[in-house]
N, C-alpha and C. Protein backbone atom coordinates (compact mmCIF):
# COMPACT_ATOMS: atom_id res chain seq x y z
N MET A 1 6.83 -55.00 -35.82
CA MET A 1 7.13 -54.68 -34.44
C MET A 1 8.05 -53.47 -34.35
N LYS A 2 9.04 -53.38 -35.28
CA LYS A 2 9.95 -52.25 -35.26
C LYS A 2 9.21 -50.95 -35.55
N SER A 3 8.25 -51.01 -36.42
CA SER A 3 7.46 -49.83 -36.75
C SER A 3 6.66 -49.36 -35.53
N TYR A 4 6.10 -50.31 -34.80
CA TYR A 4 5.35 -49.98 -33.60
C TYR A 4 6.26 -49.31 -32.56
N ASN A 5 7.46 -49.83 -32.37
CA ASN A 5 8.41 -49.24 -31.40
C ASN A 5 8.83 -47.83 -31.82
N LYS A 6 9.03 -47.64 -33.12
CA LYS A 6 9.39 -46.30 -33.60
C LYS A 6 8.27 -45.31 -33.33
N HIS A 7 7.03 -45.73 -33.59
CA HIS A 7 5.89 -44.85 -33.35
C HIS A 7 5.74 -44.55 -31.86
N LEU A 8 5.93 -45.56 -31.04
CA LEU A 8 5.81 -45.36 -29.60
C LEU A 8 6.89 -44.40 -29.09
N ILE A 9 8.10 -44.57 -29.56
CA ILE A 9 9.19 -43.68 -29.14
C ILE A 9 8.92 -42.25 -29.64
N THR A 10 8.44 -42.13 -30.86
CA THR A 10 8.14 -40.81 -31.41
C THR A 10 7.04 -40.12 -30.61
N VAL A 11 5.99 -40.85 -30.28
CA VAL A 11 4.89 -40.28 -29.50
C VAL A 11 5.38 -39.87 -28.11
N LEU A 12 6.15 -40.71 -27.46
CA LEU A 12 6.68 -40.38 -26.13
C LEU A 12 7.59 -39.15 -26.19
N LEU A 13 8.40 -39.08 -27.23
CA LEU A 13 9.28 -37.92 -27.39
C LEU A 13 8.48 -36.64 -27.60
N LEU A 14 7.45 -36.71 -28.42
CA LEU A 14 6.60 -35.54 -28.66
C LEU A 14 5.87 -35.10 -27.39
N VAL A 15 5.37 -36.06 -26.63
CA VAL A 15 4.69 -35.73 -25.38
C VAL A 15 5.68 -35.06 -24.42
N PHE A 16 6.88 -35.60 -24.33
CA PHE A 16 7.90 -35.01 -23.46
C PHE A 16 8.24 -33.59 -23.90
N LEU A 17 8.42 -33.38 -25.20
CA LEU A 17 8.74 -32.04 -25.70
C LEU A 17 7.59 -31.06 -25.48
N MET A 18 6.37 -31.53 -25.68
CA MET A 18 5.22 -30.65 -25.50
C MET A 18 5.07 -30.24 -24.03
N ASN A 19 5.46 -31.13 -23.12
CA ASN A 19 5.40 -30.81 -21.69
C ASN A 19 6.44 -29.78 -21.31
N ASN A 20 7.59 -29.81 -21.95
CA ASN A 20 8.70 -28.95 -21.55
C ASN A 20 8.82 -27.67 -22.36
N LEU A 21 8.23 -27.60 -23.52
CA LEU A 21 8.29 -26.39 -24.34
C LEU A 21 6.99 -25.61 -24.19
N LYS A 22 7.13 -24.41 -23.72
CA LYS A 22 5.95 -23.57 -23.54
C LYS A 22 6.23 -22.22 -24.16
N ALA A 23 5.23 -21.66 -24.80
CA ALA A 23 5.39 -20.36 -25.41
C ALA A 23 5.04 -19.25 -24.43
N GLN A 24 4.27 -19.56 -23.42
CA GLN A 24 3.87 -18.59 -22.42
C GLN A 24 4.40 -19.01 -21.05
N LEU A 25 4.57 -18.02 -20.19
CA LEU A 25 4.97 -18.34 -18.82
C LEU A 25 3.80 -18.99 -18.10
N PRO A 26 4.05 -20.04 -17.34
CA PRO A 26 2.97 -20.67 -16.57
C PRO A 26 2.70 -19.89 -15.29
N ILE A 27 1.81 -18.91 -15.35
CA ILE A 27 1.56 -17.99 -14.25
C ILE A 27 0.28 -18.37 -13.51
N ILE A 28 0.37 -18.37 -12.18
CA ILE A 28 -0.82 -18.56 -11.36
C ILE A 28 -0.81 -17.51 -10.24
N ILE A 29 -1.98 -17.26 -9.69
CA ILE A 29 -2.07 -16.44 -8.49
C ILE A 29 -2.32 -17.40 -7.34
N ALA A 30 -1.37 -17.45 -6.42
CA ALA A 30 -1.48 -18.33 -5.26
C ALA A 30 -1.20 -17.51 -4.01
N ASN A 31 -2.11 -17.58 -3.06
CA ASN A 31 -1.98 -16.82 -1.81
C ASN A 31 -1.82 -15.33 -2.08
N GLY A 32 -2.48 -14.84 -3.10
CA GLY A 32 -2.46 -13.42 -3.39
C GLY A 32 -1.23 -12.93 -4.14
N GLN A 33 -0.37 -13.85 -4.58
CA GLN A 33 0.85 -13.46 -5.29
C GLN A 33 0.95 -14.20 -6.61
N LEU A 34 1.58 -13.53 -7.58
CA LEU A 34 1.84 -14.19 -8.86
C LEU A 34 3.03 -15.12 -8.70
N ARG A 35 2.90 -16.31 -9.23
CA ARG A 35 3.98 -17.30 -9.16
C ARG A 35 4.13 -17.97 -10.51
N LEU A 36 5.34 -18.43 -10.76
CA LEU A 36 5.57 -19.25 -11.95
C LEU A 36 5.24 -20.69 -11.58
N ASN A 37 4.30 -21.27 -12.25
CA ASN A 37 3.85 -22.62 -11.96
C ASN A 37 4.56 -23.60 -12.88
N ASP A 38 5.85 -23.77 -12.64
CA ASP A 38 6.64 -24.64 -13.52
C ASP A 38 7.03 -25.95 -12.85
N GLY A 39 6.41 -26.27 -11.73
CA GLY A 39 6.68 -27.53 -11.07
C GLY A 39 7.66 -27.41 -9.92
N ASN A 40 8.39 -26.33 -9.84
CA ASN A 40 9.29 -26.13 -8.70
C ASN A 40 8.51 -25.51 -7.57
N PHE A 41 8.82 -25.91 -6.36
CA PHE A 41 8.09 -25.40 -5.21
C PHE A 41 8.59 -24.01 -4.85
N LEU A 42 7.82 -23.00 -5.16
CA LEU A 42 8.04 -21.59 -4.84
C LEU A 42 9.24 -20.94 -5.51
N LYS A 43 10.31 -21.66 -5.74
CA LYS A 43 11.54 -21.05 -6.23
C LYS A 43 11.93 -21.64 -7.59
N PRO A 44 11.49 -21.00 -8.67
CA PRO A 44 11.81 -21.53 -10.00
C PRO A 44 13.29 -21.39 -10.32
N ASP A 45 13.74 -22.21 -11.24
CA ASP A 45 15.14 -22.20 -11.65
C ASP A 45 15.35 -21.10 -12.70
N PRO A 46 16.17 -20.08 -12.41
CA PRO A 46 16.37 -18.98 -13.37
C PRO A 46 16.99 -19.44 -14.69
N LYS A 47 17.75 -20.52 -14.66
CA LYS A 47 18.41 -21.00 -15.88
C LYS A 47 17.40 -21.47 -16.93
N ARG A 48 16.23 -21.91 -16.46
CA ARG A 48 15.19 -22.36 -17.40
C ARG A 48 14.60 -21.21 -18.19
N TYR A 49 14.78 -19.98 -17.70
CA TYR A 49 14.12 -18.82 -18.30
C TYR A 49 15.08 -17.89 -19.03
N ILE A 50 16.32 -18.30 -19.22
CA ILE A 50 17.30 -17.45 -19.90
C ILE A 50 16.86 -17.16 -21.34
N ALA A 51 16.48 -18.18 -22.07
CA ALA A 51 16.06 -17.98 -23.46
C ALA A 51 14.79 -17.13 -23.52
N PHE A 52 13.88 -17.36 -22.61
CA PHE A 52 12.64 -16.58 -22.58
C PHE A 52 12.94 -15.11 -22.28
N THR A 53 13.85 -14.88 -21.34
CA THR A 53 14.23 -13.52 -20.98
C THR A 53 14.90 -12.82 -22.16
N ASP A 54 15.81 -13.52 -22.83
CA ASP A 54 16.46 -12.94 -24.01
C ASP A 54 15.45 -12.60 -25.10
N SER A 55 14.49 -13.49 -25.29
CA SER A 55 13.45 -13.25 -26.29
C SER A 55 12.62 -12.02 -25.92
N LEU A 56 12.29 -11.88 -24.64
CA LEU A 56 11.53 -10.71 -24.20
C LEU A 56 12.32 -9.42 -24.38
N GLU A 57 13.61 -9.46 -24.06
CA GLU A 57 14.46 -8.27 -24.25
C GLU A 57 14.50 -7.86 -25.72
N PHE A 58 14.65 -8.86 -26.60
CA PHE A 58 14.67 -8.57 -28.04
C PHE A 58 13.32 -8.00 -28.48
N LYS A 59 12.24 -8.57 -27.98
CA LYS A 59 10.90 -8.11 -28.35
C LYS A 59 10.68 -6.67 -27.88
N LEU A 60 11.16 -6.35 -26.68
CA LEU A 60 10.98 -4.99 -26.15
C LEU A 60 11.84 -3.97 -26.89
N LYS A 61 12.98 -4.41 -27.41
CA LYS A 61 13.80 -3.48 -28.21
C LYS A 61 13.14 -3.20 -29.55
N SER A 62 12.55 -4.23 -30.15
CA SER A 62 11.93 -4.04 -31.47
C SER A 62 10.53 -3.44 -31.36
N SER A 63 9.84 -3.72 -30.24
CA SER A 63 8.48 -3.21 -30.06
C SER A 63 8.28 -2.83 -28.59
N PRO A 64 8.73 -1.63 -28.22
CA PRO A 64 8.68 -1.24 -26.80
C PRO A 64 7.28 -1.04 -26.24
N SER A 65 6.27 -1.06 -27.07
CA SER A 65 4.91 -0.87 -26.57
C SER A 65 4.11 -2.18 -26.52
N ASP A 66 4.78 -3.32 -26.57
CA ASP A 66 4.12 -4.61 -26.47
C ASP A 66 3.81 -4.88 -25.00
N THR A 67 2.55 -4.75 -24.65
CA THR A 67 2.16 -4.85 -23.24
C THR A 67 2.39 -6.25 -22.66
N ALA A 68 2.20 -7.29 -23.46
CA ALA A 68 2.42 -8.64 -22.95
C ALA A 68 3.90 -8.84 -22.61
N ALA A 69 4.78 -8.37 -23.48
CA ALA A 69 6.22 -8.49 -23.22
C ALA A 69 6.62 -7.65 -22.00
N LEU A 70 6.04 -6.46 -21.86
CA LEU A 70 6.31 -5.63 -20.69
C LEU A 70 5.89 -6.35 -19.40
N PHE A 71 4.70 -6.94 -19.42
CA PHE A 71 4.20 -7.65 -18.26
C PHE A 71 5.09 -8.84 -17.91
N HIS A 72 5.40 -9.67 -18.90
CA HIS A 72 6.19 -10.87 -18.62
C HIS A 72 7.60 -10.53 -18.16
N ARG A 73 8.20 -9.50 -18.74
CA ARG A 73 9.55 -9.12 -18.32
C ARG A 73 9.53 -8.57 -16.90
N ALA A 74 8.51 -7.78 -16.58
CA ALA A 74 8.38 -7.26 -15.22
C ALA A 74 8.17 -8.41 -14.23
N LEU A 75 7.39 -9.40 -14.63
CA LEU A 75 7.17 -10.56 -13.77
C LEU A 75 8.48 -11.30 -13.50
N LEU A 76 9.27 -11.52 -14.54
CA LEU A 76 10.53 -12.23 -14.34
C LEU A 76 11.49 -11.43 -13.46
N TYR A 77 11.55 -10.11 -13.66
CA TYR A 77 12.36 -9.28 -12.76
C TYR A 77 11.89 -9.45 -11.33
N SER A 78 10.58 -9.41 -11.14
CA SER A 78 10.02 -9.51 -9.80
C SER A 78 10.32 -10.86 -9.15
N VAL A 79 10.07 -11.93 -9.89
CA VAL A 79 10.25 -13.27 -9.34
C VAL A 79 11.71 -13.52 -8.97
N PHE A 80 12.63 -13.17 -9.85
CA PHE A 80 14.03 -13.51 -9.62
C PHE A 80 14.77 -12.47 -8.77
N ASN A 81 14.06 -11.45 -8.29
CA ASN A 81 14.64 -10.49 -7.35
C ASN A 81 13.82 -10.44 -6.07
N SER A 82 13.09 -11.49 -5.81
CA SER A 82 12.24 -11.53 -4.62
C SER A 82 13.05 -11.96 -3.40
N ILE A 83 12.38 -11.96 -2.28
CA ILE A 83 13.02 -12.33 -1.01
C ILE A 83 13.51 -13.78 -1.04
N LEU A 84 12.88 -14.63 -1.83
CA LEU A 84 13.32 -16.02 -1.92
C LEU A 84 14.71 -16.16 -2.53
N PHE A 85 15.03 -15.26 -3.45
CA PHE A 85 16.32 -15.32 -4.12
C PHE A 85 17.36 -14.43 -3.44
N HIS A 86 16.91 -13.33 -2.87
CA HIS A 86 17.82 -12.36 -2.23
C HIS A 86 17.25 -12.00 -0.86
N PRO A 87 17.55 -12.78 0.17
CA PRO A 87 16.91 -12.57 1.47
C PRO A 87 17.41 -11.35 2.25
N TYR A 88 18.52 -10.76 1.85
CA TYR A 88 19.05 -9.63 2.59
C TYR A 88 18.63 -8.32 1.95
N PRO A 89 17.94 -7.47 2.71
CA PRO A 89 17.46 -6.21 2.12
C PRO A 89 18.59 -5.23 1.86
N GLY A 90 18.35 -4.35 0.91
CA GLY A 90 19.29 -3.27 0.64
C GLY A 90 20.31 -3.55 -0.44
N GLU A 91 20.19 -4.68 -1.15
CA GLU A 91 21.13 -4.96 -2.23
C GLU A 91 20.80 -4.05 -3.41
N SER A 92 21.79 -3.28 -3.87
CA SER A 92 21.51 -2.27 -4.89
C SER A 92 21.09 -2.89 -6.22
N ALA A 93 21.68 -4.01 -6.62
CA ALA A 93 21.30 -4.63 -7.89
C ALA A 93 19.85 -5.11 -7.85
N VAL A 94 19.44 -5.64 -6.72
CA VAL A 94 18.06 -6.11 -6.56
C VAL A 94 17.10 -4.92 -6.63
N MET A 95 17.46 -3.84 -5.95
CA MET A 95 16.60 -2.66 -5.97
C MET A 95 16.49 -2.10 -7.38
N GLN A 96 17.58 -2.08 -8.12
CA GLN A 96 17.54 -1.57 -9.49
C GLN A 96 16.64 -2.44 -10.36
N ASP A 97 16.75 -3.76 -10.22
CA ASP A 97 15.90 -4.65 -11.01
C ASP A 97 14.43 -4.50 -10.64
N LEU A 98 14.15 -4.35 -9.35
CA LEU A 98 12.75 -4.16 -8.93
C LEU A 98 12.20 -2.83 -9.43
N LEU A 99 13.02 -1.79 -9.41
CA LEU A 99 12.58 -0.50 -9.95
C LEU A 99 12.35 -0.59 -11.46
N ARG A 100 13.19 -1.36 -12.14
CA ARG A 100 13.00 -1.58 -13.58
C ARG A 100 11.70 -2.35 -13.82
N ALA A 101 11.42 -3.35 -12.98
CA ALA A 101 10.17 -4.11 -13.11
C ALA A 101 8.97 -3.20 -12.89
N LYS A 102 9.06 -2.34 -11.90
CA LYS A 102 7.97 -1.41 -11.62
C LYS A 102 7.73 -0.48 -12.80
N SER A 103 8.80 0.04 -13.39
CA SER A 103 8.61 0.95 -14.53
C SER A 103 8.04 0.21 -15.74
N LEU A 104 8.44 -1.04 -15.96
CA LEU A 104 7.87 -1.82 -17.07
C LEU A 104 6.37 -2.06 -16.85
N ALA A 105 6.01 -2.42 -15.62
CA ALA A 105 4.60 -2.67 -15.33
C ALA A 105 3.78 -1.39 -15.43
N GLU A 106 4.33 -0.29 -14.96
CA GLU A 106 3.61 0.99 -15.08
C GLU A 106 3.48 1.42 -16.53
N LYS A 107 4.48 1.11 -17.34
CA LYS A 107 4.37 1.43 -18.77
C LYS A 107 3.26 0.61 -19.42
N ALA A 108 3.13 -0.66 -19.00
CA ALA A 108 2.05 -1.50 -19.54
C ALA A 108 0.69 -0.91 -19.16
N ILE A 109 0.57 -0.39 -17.95
CA ILE A 109 -0.69 0.24 -17.54
C ILE A 109 -0.94 1.51 -18.34
N SER A 110 0.13 2.30 -18.56
CA SER A 110 -0.05 3.54 -19.33
C SER A 110 -0.43 3.26 -20.78
N LEU A 111 -0.10 2.06 -21.26
CA LEU A 111 -0.48 1.66 -22.62
C LEU A 111 -1.85 0.98 -22.63
N LYS A 112 -2.58 1.15 -21.55
CA LYS A 112 -3.98 0.68 -21.42
C LYS A 112 -4.11 -0.84 -21.29
N MET A 113 -3.09 -1.52 -20.77
CA MET A 113 -3.24 -2.94 -20.49
C MET A 113 -4.14 -3.08 -19.28
N GLN A 114 -5.18 -3.86 -19.42
CA GLN A 114 -6.13 -4.05 -18.33
C GLN A 114 -6.18 -5.52 -17.98
N ASP A 115 -5.32 -5.91 -17.08
CA ASP A 115 -5.25 -7.29 -16.64
C ASP A 115 -5.13 -7.29 -15.13
N PHE A 116 -5.95 -8.07 -14.49
CA PHE A 116 -5.92 -8.14 -13.03
C PHE A 116 -4.55 -8.56 -12.52
N LYS A 117 -3.91 -9.47 -13.24
CA LYS A 117 -2.59 -9.95 -12.82
C LYS A 117 -1.56 -8.83 -12.80
N LEU A 118 -1.73 -7.86 -13.66
CA LEU A 118 -0.79 -6.73 -13.69
C LEU A 118 -0.87 -5.92 -12.40
N LYS A 119 -2.07 -5.73 -11.89
CA LYS A 119 -2.22 -4.99 -10.63
C LYS A 119 -1.66 -5.77 -9.46
N VAL A 120 -1.86 -7.07 -9.47
CA VAL A 120 -1.27 -7.92 -8.42
C VAL A 120 0.25 -7.87 -8.52
N LEU A 121 0.76 -7.89 -9.75
CA LEU A 121 2.21 -7.81 -9.95
C LEU A 121 2.77 -6.49 -9.42
N LEU A 122 2.11 -5.39 -9.70
CA LEU A 122 2.58 -4.10 -9.20
C LEU A 122 2.56 -4.06 -7.67
N ALA A 123 1.54 -4.60 -7.06
CA ALA A 123 1.49 -4.66 -5.59
C ALA A 123 2.64 -5.50 -5.06
N GLN A 124 2.90 -6.59 -5.72
CA GLN A 124 3.98 -7.50 -5.32
C GLN A 124 5.34 -6.81 -5.45
N ILE A 125 5.56 -6.10 -6.54
CA ILE A 125 6.83 -5.39 -6.76
C ILE A 125 7.01 -4.31 -5.70
N CYS A 126 5.96 -3.53 -5.46
CA CYS A 126 6.06 -2.45 -4.45
C CYS A 126 6.29 -3.03 -3.06
N SER A 127 5.70 -4.17 -2.77
CA SER A 127 5.91 -4.82 -1.49
C SER A 127 7.37 -5.27 -1.35
N GLU A 128 7.93 -5.81 -2.43
CA GLU A 128 9.35 -6.20 -2.40
C GLU A 128 10.25 -4.97 -2.24
N LEU A 129 9.87 -3.86 -2.85
CA LEU A 129 10.65 -2.63 -2.68
C LEU A 129 10.56 -2.14 -1.23
N CYS A 130 9.40 -2.27 -0.61
CA CYS A 130 9.28 -1.93 0.82
C CYS A 130 10.23 -2.80 1.64
N TYR A 131 10.28 -4.07 1.30
CA TYR A 131 11.18 -4.97 2.03
C TYR A 131 12.63 -4.52 1.87
N GLN A 132 12.99 -4.06 0.69
CA GLN A 132 14.37 -3.62 0.47
C GLN A 132 14.73 -2.42 1.34
N TYR A 133 13.74 -1.63 1.72
CA TYR A 133 13.98 -0.46 2.58
C TYR A 133 13.73 -0.76 4.06
N SER A 134 13.33 -1.97 4.41
CA SER A 134 12.86 -2.25 5.76
C SER A 134 13.97 -2.54 6.77
N ASP A 135 15.18 -2.72 6.32
CA ASP A 135 16.26 -3.05 7.24
C ASP A 135 16.81 -1.79 7.90
N ASP A 136 17.14 -1.89 9.17
CA ASP A 136 17.73 -0.76 9.89
C ASP A 136 19.20 -0.65 9.49
N GLN A 137 19.47 0.25 8.57
CA GLN A 137 20.84 0.46 8.11
C GLN A 137 21.27 1.89 8.43
N SER A 138 20.91 2.32 9.63
CA SER A 138 21.23 3.70 10.02
C SER A 138 22.73 3.94 10.10
N TRP A 139 23.49 2.90 10.33
CA TRP A 139 24.95 3.02 10.37
C TRP A 139 25.53 3.33 8.99
N LYS A 140 24.77 3.04 7.98
CA LYS A 140 25.26 3.14 6.60
C LYS A 140 24.93 4.48 5.95
N PHE A 141 23.90 5.20 6.47
CA PHE A 141 23.42 6.40 5.81
C PHE A 141 23.45 7.59 6.76
N ASN A 142 23.57 8.78 6.18
CA ASN A 142 23.49 10.00 6.99
C ASN A 142 22.02 10.40 7.15
N ASP A 143 21.77 11.46 7.90
CA ASP A 143 20.39 11.87 8.20
C ASP A 143 19.59 12.21 6.95
N LYS A 144 20.21 12.88 6.00
CA LYS A 144 19.52 13.26 4.76
C LYS A 144 19.12 12.01 3.96
N GLN A 145 20.03 11.03 3.88
CA GLN A 145 19.73 9.79 3.16
C GLN A 145 18.64 8.98 3.87
N ILE A 146 18.67 8.98 5.20
CA ILE A 146 17.64 8.26 5.96
C ILE A 146 16.27 8.89 5.71
N THR A 147 16.22 10.22 5.67
CA THR A 147 14.96 10.91 5.39
C THR A 147 14.45 10.56 4.00
N GLU A 148 15.35 10.52 3.02
CA GLU A 148 14.96 10.16 1.65
C GLU A 148 14.48 8.71 1.58
N ARG A 149 15.17 7.82 2.26
CA ARG A 149 14.76 6.40 2.27
C ARG A 149 13.41 6.23 2.96
N ARG A 150 13.15 6.99 4.03
CA ARG A 150 11.87 6.94 4.73
C ARG A 150 10.75 7.37 3.79
N LYS A 151 11.00 8.43 3.00
CA LYS A 151 10.00 8.90 2.03
C LYS A 151 9.74 7.83 0.97
N GLN A 152 10.81 7.22 0.46
CA GLN A 152 10.64 6.19 -0.56
C GLN A 152 9.89 4.98 0.01
N PHE A 153 10.23 4.58 1.23
CA PHE A 153 9.52 3.47 1.88
C PHE A 153 8.04 3.81 2.00
N GLY A 154 7.74 5.03 2.45
CA GLY A 154 6.35 5.45 2.60
C GLY A 154 5.60 5.45 1.28
N ALA A 155 6.27 5.91 0.22
CA ALA A 155 5.62 5.92 -1.10
C ALA A 155 5.34 4.50 -1.58
N PHE A 156 6.30 3.58 -1.41
CA PHE A 156 6.08 2.19 -1.84
C PHE A 156 5.03 1.50 -0.97
N LYS A 157 5.01 1.82 0.31
CA LYS A 157 4.00 1.25 1.21
C LYS A 157 2.61 1.69 0.77
N LYS A 158 2.47 2.98 0.47
CA LYS A 158 1.18 3.51 0.03
C LYS A 158 0.74 2.85 -1.28
N LEU A 159 1.66 2.73 -2.25
CA LEU A 159 1.32 2.10 -3.53
C LEU A 159 0.94 0.63 -3.33
N THR A 160 1.71 -0.08 -2.51
CA THR A 160 1.41 -1.49 -2.25
C THR A 160 -0.01 -1.64 -1.72
N ASN A 161 -0.32 -0.87 -0.70
CA ASN A 161 -1.64 -0.99 -0.08
C ASN A 161 -2.76 -0.55 -1.03
N GLU A 162 -2.50 0.47 -1.87
CA GLU A 162 -3.51 0.87 -2.85
C GLU A 162 -3.76 -0.23 -3.89
N TYR A 163 -2.68 -0.85 -4.37
CA TYR A 163 -2.85 -1.93 -5.35
C TYR A 163 -3.56 -3.13 -4.73
N TYR A 164 -3.25 -3.45 -3.48
CA TYR A 164 -3.94 -4.56 -2.84
C TYR A 164 -5.41 -4.21 -2.54
N ASP A 165 -5.69 -2.94 -2.22
CA ASP A 165 -7.09 -2.53 -2.05
C ASP A 165 -7.85 -2.71 -3.37
N ASP A 166 -7.20 -2.35 -4.47
CA ASP A 166 -7.80 -2.53 -5.78
C ASP A 166 -8.04 -4.02 -6.06
N ALA A 167 -7.07 -4.84 -5.69
CA ALA A 167 -7.23 -6.29 -5.89
C ALA A 167 -8.38 -6.83 -5.04
N ILE A 168 -8.52 -6.31 -3.83
CA ILE A 168 -9.62 -6.74 -2.96
C ILE A 168 -10.96 -6.39 -3.57
N SER A 169 -11.07 -5.18 -4.15
CA SER A 169 -12.35 -4.79 -4.75
C SER A 169 -12.64 -5.56 -6.03
N THR A 170 -11.58 -5.96 -6.75
CA THR A 170 -11.77 -6.70 -7.99
C THR A 170 -12.02 -8.19 -7.73
N ASP A 171 -11.35 -8.74 -6.73
CA ASP A 171 -11.43 -10.18 -6.43
C ASP A 171 -11.80 -10.37 -4.96
N PRO A 172 -13.07 -10.09 -4.60
CA PRO A 172 -13.45 -10.16 -3.18
C PRO A 172 -13.40 -11.57 -2.59
N ASP A 173 -13.42 -12.60 -3.44
CA ASP A 173 -13.34 -13.97 -2.93
C ASP A 173 -12.00 -14.26 -2.26
N ASN A 174 -10.96 -13.55 -2.68
CA ASN A 174 -9.62 -13.76 -2.11
C ASN A 174 -9.15 -12.54 -1.30
N ALA A 175 -10.09 -11.77 -0.81
CA ALA A 175 -9.76 -10.54 -0.09
C ALA A 175 -8.86 -10.81 1.12
N PHE A 176 -9.09 -11.91 1.80
CA PHE A 176 -8.28 -12.23 2.98
C PHE A 176 -6.81 -12.37 2.61
N GLU A 177 -6.53 -13.02 1.48
CA GLU A 177 -5.14 -13.21 1.04
C GLU A 177 -4.47 -11.88 0.74
N TYR A 178 -5.17 -11.00 0.06
CA TYR A 178 -4.60 -9.69 -0.28
C TYR A 178 -4.45 -8.83 0.98
N GLN A 179 -5.39 -8.94 1.89
CA GLN A 179 -5.32 -8.16 3.13
C GLN A 179 -4.08 -8.54 3.94
N LYS A 180 -3.75 -9.83 3.96
CA LYS A 180 -2.56 -10.29 4.69
C LYS A 180 -1.28 -9.73 4.09
N LEU A 181 -1.28 -9.46 2.78
CA LEU A 181 -0.06 -9.02 2.10
C LEU A 181 0.17 -7.52 2.17
N LYS A 182 -0.81 -6.79 2.66
CA LYS A 182 -0.64 -5.34 2.77
C LYS A 182 0.50 -5.02 3.74
N VAL A 183 1.22 -3.95 3.46
CA VAL A 183 2.36 -3.56 4.29
C VAL A 183 1.84 -2.80 5.50
N LYS A 184 2.15 -3.32 6.68
CA LYS A 184 1.69 -2.71 7.92
C LYS A 184 2.83 -2.11 8.74
N ARG A 185 4.04 -2.51 8.45
CA ARG A 185 5.19 -2.02 9.24
C ARG A 185 5.57 -0.60 8.82
N ASP A 186 6.35 0.04 9.67
CA ASP A 186 6.84 1.38 9.39
C ASP A 186 8.33 1.32 9.12
N TYR A 187 8.85 2.42 8.61
CA TYR A 187 10.29 2.50 8.37
C TYR A 187 11.01 2.33 9.71
N PRO A 188 12.05 1.49 9.76
CA PRO A 188 12.66 1.14 11.05
C PRO A 188 13.41 2.27 11.76
N VAL A 189 13.88 3.27 11.05
CA VAL A 189 14.65 4.34 11.67
C VAL A 189 13.77 5.57 11.81
N LYS A 190 13.62 6.04 13.00
CA LYS A 190 12.75 7.21 13.26
C LYS A 190 13.47 8.50 13.02
C-alpha cells in the first residue's frame, strides 16, 4: 500500500510540474491580438515570466540573430507595456519598451523570419505606440514637439494599418477582427 501511495504522489507531482513548466510561451491569437494563454484572464502575471525574460536576454546577448528569441522578447515587451498594464498614455518608460519591442520584431523580419504571428505582433506594437501618442498633452509640449509627435503618430498609424491589412490578406477568416483593430483616430492636437 505504501508503494502505491508513493507512486500516486509521484505521478501527481509530475503532472503538476508538467502543467506549470513550459519551455515555450503559451501564445494564442484572440480577437486579432497576440495573448499569453497562461490561464489568467487577459492580464498575465509578470512575475511568472521573470526567469523566461532573463533567459531570453541571455540568449540575445550570446546569439543576437536568434529570431525566436527576438520574437518572444518583443512579445513580452509588448504584453507587459500594453494599455492593460499602463493605462495612461505618454509614459516614457513604456514608450521606450514599446520602441525596443518594435526594433526587436523588425530585426526578426530583417533576418527573414516568416511567421504570421510576427506581423500581428508588429501591428499590435504600433497600435500601442499610437495609443501612447493619442493623449492631448499640448500643455506639456511646444509647437515643434507637437509637430514631431504628430509625425510619429502618423507614422505608427500608417504602419499599424499596413500590418493589419497584411494580416487581413493572410487570414481572411478573421478579417473583421483585424479591421476593428485598425487605427482610425487622428492626432488630438491640430
